[in-house]
N, C-alpha and C. Protein backbone atom coordinates (compact mmCIF):
# COMPACT_ATOMS: atom_id res chain seq x y z
N MET A 1 6.10 -19.97 -7.48
CA MET A 1 6.75 -18.87 -8.17
C MET A 1 5.70 -18.05 -8.90
N SER A 2 5.74 -16.74 -8.74
CA SER A 2 4.76 -15.88 -9.39
C SER A 2 5.12 -15.63 -10.85
N ILE A 3 4.12 -15.26 -11.61
CA ILE A 3 4.31 -14.99 -13.04
C ILE A 3 4.89 -13.60 -13.24
N MET A 4 4.41 -12.62 -12.47
CA MET A 4 4.90 -11.24 -12.58
C MET A 4 5.23 -10.71 -11.20
N ASN A 5 6.17 -9.79 -11.13
CA ASN A 5 6.48 -9.14 -9.87
C ASN A 5 5.63 -7.86 -9.76
N GLY A 6 5.75 -7.20 -8.64
CA GLY A 6 4.95 -6.00 -8.38
C GLY A 6 5.13 -4.89 -9.40
N PRO A 7 6.38 -4.50 -9.72
CA PRO A 7 6.57 -3.45 -10.71
C PRO A 7 6.00 -3.80 -12.09
N GLU A 8 6.14 -5.06 -12.51
CA GLU A 8 5.58 -5.49 -13.80
C GLU A 8 4.06 -5.38 -13.79
N THR A 9 3.46 -5.85 -12.72
CA THR A 9 2.00 -5.80 -12.59
C THR A 9 1.52 -4.35 -12.57
N THR A 10 2.22 -3.50 -11.85
CA THR A 10 1.85 -2.08 -11.76
C THR A 10 1.89 -1.43 -13.14
N LYS A 11 2.93 -1.71 -13.91
CA LYS A 11 3.04 -1.13 -15.26
C LYS A 11 1.85 -1.52 -16.13
N ILE A 12 1.40 -2.76 -16.01
CA ILE A 12 0.23 -3.20 -16.79
C ILE A 12 -1.02 -2.48 -16.32
N ILE A 13 -1.20 -2.37 -15.01
CA ILE A 13 -2.38 -1.66 -14.48
C ILE A 13 -2.35 -0.20 -14.93
N ARG A 14 -1.21 0.44 -14.81
CA ARG A 14 -1.11 1.86 -15.17
C ARG A 14 -1.25 2.11 -16.67
N SER A 15 -0.97 1.10 -17.48
CA SER A 15 -1.11 1.27 -18.93
C SER A 15 -2.57 1.45 -19.33
N GLY A 16 -3.47 1.00 -18.47
CA GLY A 16 -4.90 1.17 -18.72
C GLY A 16 -5.49 0.13 -19.64
N SER A 17 -4.69 -0.77 -20.17
CA SER A 17 -5.22 -1.77 -21.10
C SER A 17 -6.08 -2.78 -20.35
N ASN A 18 -7.36 -2.78 -20.68
CA ASN A 18 -8.34 -3.70 -20.08
C ASN A 18 -8.48 -3.55 -18.57
N ILE A 19 -8.11 -2.41 -18.02
CA ILE A 19 -8.25 -2.16 -16.59
C ILE A 19 -9.25 -1.03 -16.43
N LYS A 20 -10.30 -1.27 -15.64
CA LYS A 20 -11.36 -0.27 -15.47
C LYS A 20 -10.85 0.98 -14.74
N ASN A 21 -10.09 0.79 -13.67
CA ASN A 21 -9.61 1.93 -12.88
C ASN A 21 -8.08 1.86 -12.80
N SER A 22 -7.42 2.39 -13.80
CA SER A 22 -5.96 2.30 -13.84
C SER A 22 -5.27 3.24 -12.86
N ARG A 23 -6.02 4.14 -12.19
CA ARG A 23 -5.42 5.05 -11.20
C ARG A 23 -5.69 4.62 -9.77
N ILE A 24 -6.07 3.38 -9.58
CA ILE A 24 -6.25 2.87 -8.21
C ILE A 24 -4.91 2.97 -7.49
N PRO A 25 -4.90 3.38 -6.22
CA PRO A 25 -3.63 3.48 -5.49
C PRO A 25 -2.95 2.12 -5.34
N ILE A 26 -1.66 2.09 -5.57
CA ILE A 26 -0.88 0.86 -5.42
C ILE A 26 0.29 1.15 -4.49
N THR A 27 0.41 0.34 -3.44
CA THR A 27 1.50 0.47 -2.48
C THR A 27 2.29 -0.83 -2.45
N ALA A 28 3.58 -0.73 -2.63
CA ALA A 28 4.44 -1.91 -2.51
C ALA A 28 4.58 -2.26 -1.04
N MET A 29 4.42 -3.54 -0.72
CA MET A 29 4.60 -4.02 0.64
C MET A 29 5.58 -5.19 0.54
N THR A 30 6.80 -4.96 0.99
CA THR A 30 7.84 -5.94 0.72
C THR A 30 8.78 -6.17 1.89
N ALA A 31 9.35 -7.34 1.91
CA ALA A 31 10.42 -7.65 2.87
C ALA A 31 11.77 -7.44 2.21
N ASN A 32 11.76 -7.24 0.90
CA ASN A 32 13.01 -7.03 0.15
C ASN A 32 13.36 -5.55 0.15
N ALA A 33 13.99 -5.12 1.20
CA ALA A 33 14.34 -3.70 1.34
C ALA A 33 15.76 -3.46 0.86
N MET A 34 15.99 -3.79 -0.39
CA MET A 34 17.32 -3.60 -0.98
C MET A 34 17.43 -2.18 -1.52
N GLU A 35 18.64 -1.68 -1.59
CA GLU A 35 18.86 -0.35 -2.13
C GLU A 35 18.32 -0.29 -3.56
N GLY A 36 17.54 0.73 -3.83
CA GLY A 36 16.97 0.92 -5.17
C GLY A 36 15.60 0.32 -5.36
N ASP A 37 15.13 -0.52 -4.44
CA ASP A 37 13.81 -1.14 -4.58
C ASP A 37 12.68 -0.10 -4.56
N LYS A 38 12.77 0.84 -3.64
CA LYS A 38 11.72 1.86 -3.55
C LYS A 38 11.65 2.66 -4.85
N GLU A 39 12.79 3.05 -5.37
CA GLU A 39 12.83 3.82 -6.61
C GLU A 39 12.27 3.02 -7.78
N THR A 40 12.57 1.71 -7.82
CA THR A 40 12.05 0.84 -8.88
C THR A 40 10.53 0.78 -8.82
N CYS A 41 10.00 0.63 -7.61
CA CYS A 41 8.54 0.55 -7.44
C CYS A 41 7.87 1.86 -7.83
N LEU A 42 8.41 2.97 -7.39
CA LEU A 42 7.83 4.27 -7.72
C LEU A 42 7.94 4.57 -9.21
N ALA A 43 9.05 4.20 -9.81
CA ALA A 43 9.24 4.41 -11.25
C ALA A 43 8.26 3.58 -12.08
N ALA A 44 7.84 2.44 -11.54
CA ALA A 44 6.88 1.58 -12.23
C ALA A 44 5.46 2.15 -12.15
N GLY A 45 5.27 3.14 -11.28
CA GLY A 45 3.95 3.76 -11.16
C GLY A 45 3.25 3.53 -9.84
N MET A 46 3.94 2.88 -8.91
CA MET A 46 3.33 2.69 -7.59
C MET A 46 3.27 4.04 -6.87
N ASP A 47 2.30 4.15 -5.97
CA ASP A 47 2.11 5.40 -5.25
C ASP A 47 2.92 5.49 -3.97
N ASP A 48 3.21 4.34 -3.37
CA ASP A 48 3.91 4.34 -2.09
C ASP A 48 4.65 3.04 -1.91
N TYR A 49 5.40 2.95 -0.82
CA TYR A 49 6.27 1.81 -0.56
C TYR A 49 6.39 1.64 0.95
N ILE A 50 6.21 0.42 1.43
CA ILE A 50 6.34 0.14 2.86
C ILE A 50 7.07 -1.19 3.01
N ILE A 51 7.97 -1.26 3.98
CA ILE A 51 8.74 -2.48 4.19
C ILE A 51 8.25 -3.24 5.42
N LYS A 52 8.45 -4.54 5.38
CA LYS A 52 8.11 -5.40 6.51
C LYS A 52 9.29 -5.48 7.45
N PRO A 53 9.08 -5.62 8.74
CA PRO A 53 7.79 -5.73 9.40
C PRO A 53 7.04 -4.40 9.37
N ILE A 54 5.75 -4.48 9.17
CA ILE A 54 4.91 -3.31 9.02
C ILE A 54 4.67 -2.65 10.37
N LYS A 55 4.86 -1.35 10.40
CA LYS A 55 4.50 -0.56 11.58
C LYS A 55 3.08 -0.04 11.35
N VAL A 56 2.20 -0.31 12.30
CA VAL A 56 0.78 0.02 12.15
C VAL A 56 0.59 1.50 11.83
N ALA A 57 1.29 2.38 12.52
CA ALA A 57 1.13 3.82 12.29
C ALA A 57 1.49 4.19 10.85
N LYS A 58 2.53 3.60 10.31
CA LYS A 58 2.95 3.87 8.93
C LYS A 58 1.90 3.36 7.95
N LEU A 59 1.38 2.15 8.17
CA LEU A 59 0.35 1.60 7.31
C LEU A 59 -0.91 2.45 7.34
N LEU A 60 -1.34 2.86 8.52
CA LEU A 60 -2.53 3.70 8.64
C LEU A 60 -2.32 5.04 7.94
N ALA A 61 -1.13 5.61 8.04
CA ALA A 61 -0.84 6.88 7.36
C ALA A 61 -0.97 6.71 5.85
N ILE A 62 -0.48 5.60 5.32
CA ILE A 62 -0.59 5.35 3.88
C ILE A 62 -2.05 5.16 3.49
N LEU A 63 -2.80 4.39 4.26
CA LEU A 63 -4.21 4.18 3.96
C LEU A 63 -4.99 5.49 3.98
N LYS A 64 -4.72 6.33 4.96
CA LYS A 64 -5.40 7.62 5.04
C LYS A 64 -5.03 8.52 3.87
N ARG A 65 -3.77 8.46 3.44
CA ARG A 65 -3.29 9.31 2.34
C ARG A 65 -4.07 9.05 1.05
N TYR A 66 -4.42 7.80 0.80
CA TYR A 66 -5.08 7.45 -0.46
C TYR A 66 -6.55 7.16 -0.33
N SER A 67 -7.10 7.35 0.86
CA SER A 67 -8.51 7.11 1.09
C SER A 67 -9.31 8.37 0.79
N SER A 68 -10.51 8.16 0.29
CA SER A 68 -11.39 9.31 0.06
C SER A 68 -12.02 9.77 1.37
N VAL A 69 -11.94 8.95 2.40
CA VAL A 69 -12.44 9.29 3.73
C VAL A 69 -11.24 9.75 4.55
N LYS A 70 -11.26 11.00 4.98
CA LYS A 70 -10.09 11.55 5.67
C LYS A 70 -9.99 11.10 7.12
N GLU A 71 -11.07 11.07 7.82
CA GLU A 71 -11.03 10.61 9.21
C GLU A 71 -12.18 9.62 9.38
N ASP A 72 -11.85 8.40 9.64
CA ASP A 72 -12.85 7.35 9.65
C ASP A 72 -12.84 6.64 11.00
N GLU A 73 -14.01 6.37 11.53
CA GLU A 73 -14.12 5.70 12.82
C GLU A 73 -13.50 4.30 12.77
N SER A 74 -13.57 3.64 11.61
CA SER A 74 -13.01 2.29 11.53
C SER A 74 -11.50 2.30 11.72
N ILE A 75 -10.84 3.35 11.28
CA ILE A 75 -9.40 3.46 11.49
C ILE A 75 -9.11 3.67 12.97
N LYS A 76 -9.90 4.53 13.63
CA LYS A 76 -9.72 4.74 15.06
C LYS A 76 -9.95 3.44 15.82
N THR A 77 -10.97 2.68 15.42
CA THR A 77 -11.27 1.41 16.06
C THR A 77 -10.11 0.44 15.88
N LEU A 78 -9.55 0.38 14.68
CA LEU A 78 -8.42 -0.50 14.42
C LEU A 78 -7.23 -0.16 15.33
N VAL A 79 -6.95 1.13 15.46
CA VAL A 79 -5.83 1.56 16.30
C VAL A 79 -6.12 1.21 17.76
N GLU A 80 -7.35 1.44 18.21
CA GLU A 80 -7.70 1.13 19.59
C GLU A 80 -7.61 -0.37 19.85
N GLN A 81 -8.07 -1.19 18.91
CA GLN A 81 -7.96 -2.63 19.06
C GLN A 81 -6.50 -3.04 19.12
N ARG A 82 -5.70 -2.46 18.26
CA ARG A 82 -4.28 -2.77 18.20
C ARG A 82 -3.59 -2.41 19.52
N ASN A 83 -4.04 -1.32 20.12
CA ASN A 83 -3.45 -0.87 21.38
C ASN A 83 -4.09 -1.55 22.60
N GLY A 84 -5.05 -2.46 22.37
CA GLY A 84 -5.66 -3.22 23.45
C GLY A 84 -6.69 -2.46 24.24
N LYS A 85 -7.22 -1.36 23.67
CA LYS A 85 -8.20 -0.57 24.40
C LYS A 85 -9.62 -1.10 24.24
N LEU A 86 -9.85 -1.91 23.22
CA LEU A 86 -11.17 -2.49 23.02
C LEU A 86 -11.09 -4.00 23.17
N GLN A 87 -12.10 -4.57 23.73
CA GLN A 87 -12.16 -6.03 23.87
C GLN A 87 -13.19 -6.56 22.89
N LYS A 88 -12.85 -7.64 22.21
CA LYS A 88 -13.81 -8.29 21.29
C LYS A 88 -13.75 -9.77 21.48
């Protein structure tokens, strides 16, 4: 059992108390897709929300949205690996 849930943890991070970078992007990743969960997470200060099972395209879109690198070869490589175009 965890001590704090995501919204509680986010509120502490966003408060800036003893946190070096309180504006780091935070995305909720949950299997609990109940009505009102997204709003609760966003109201707590999270930047985004994604439900499981994760769709790769949706996850990559979120990563790109909050990344300082707009188009990165590593993201293209990840997509190609996921699509079976690269062998490793």
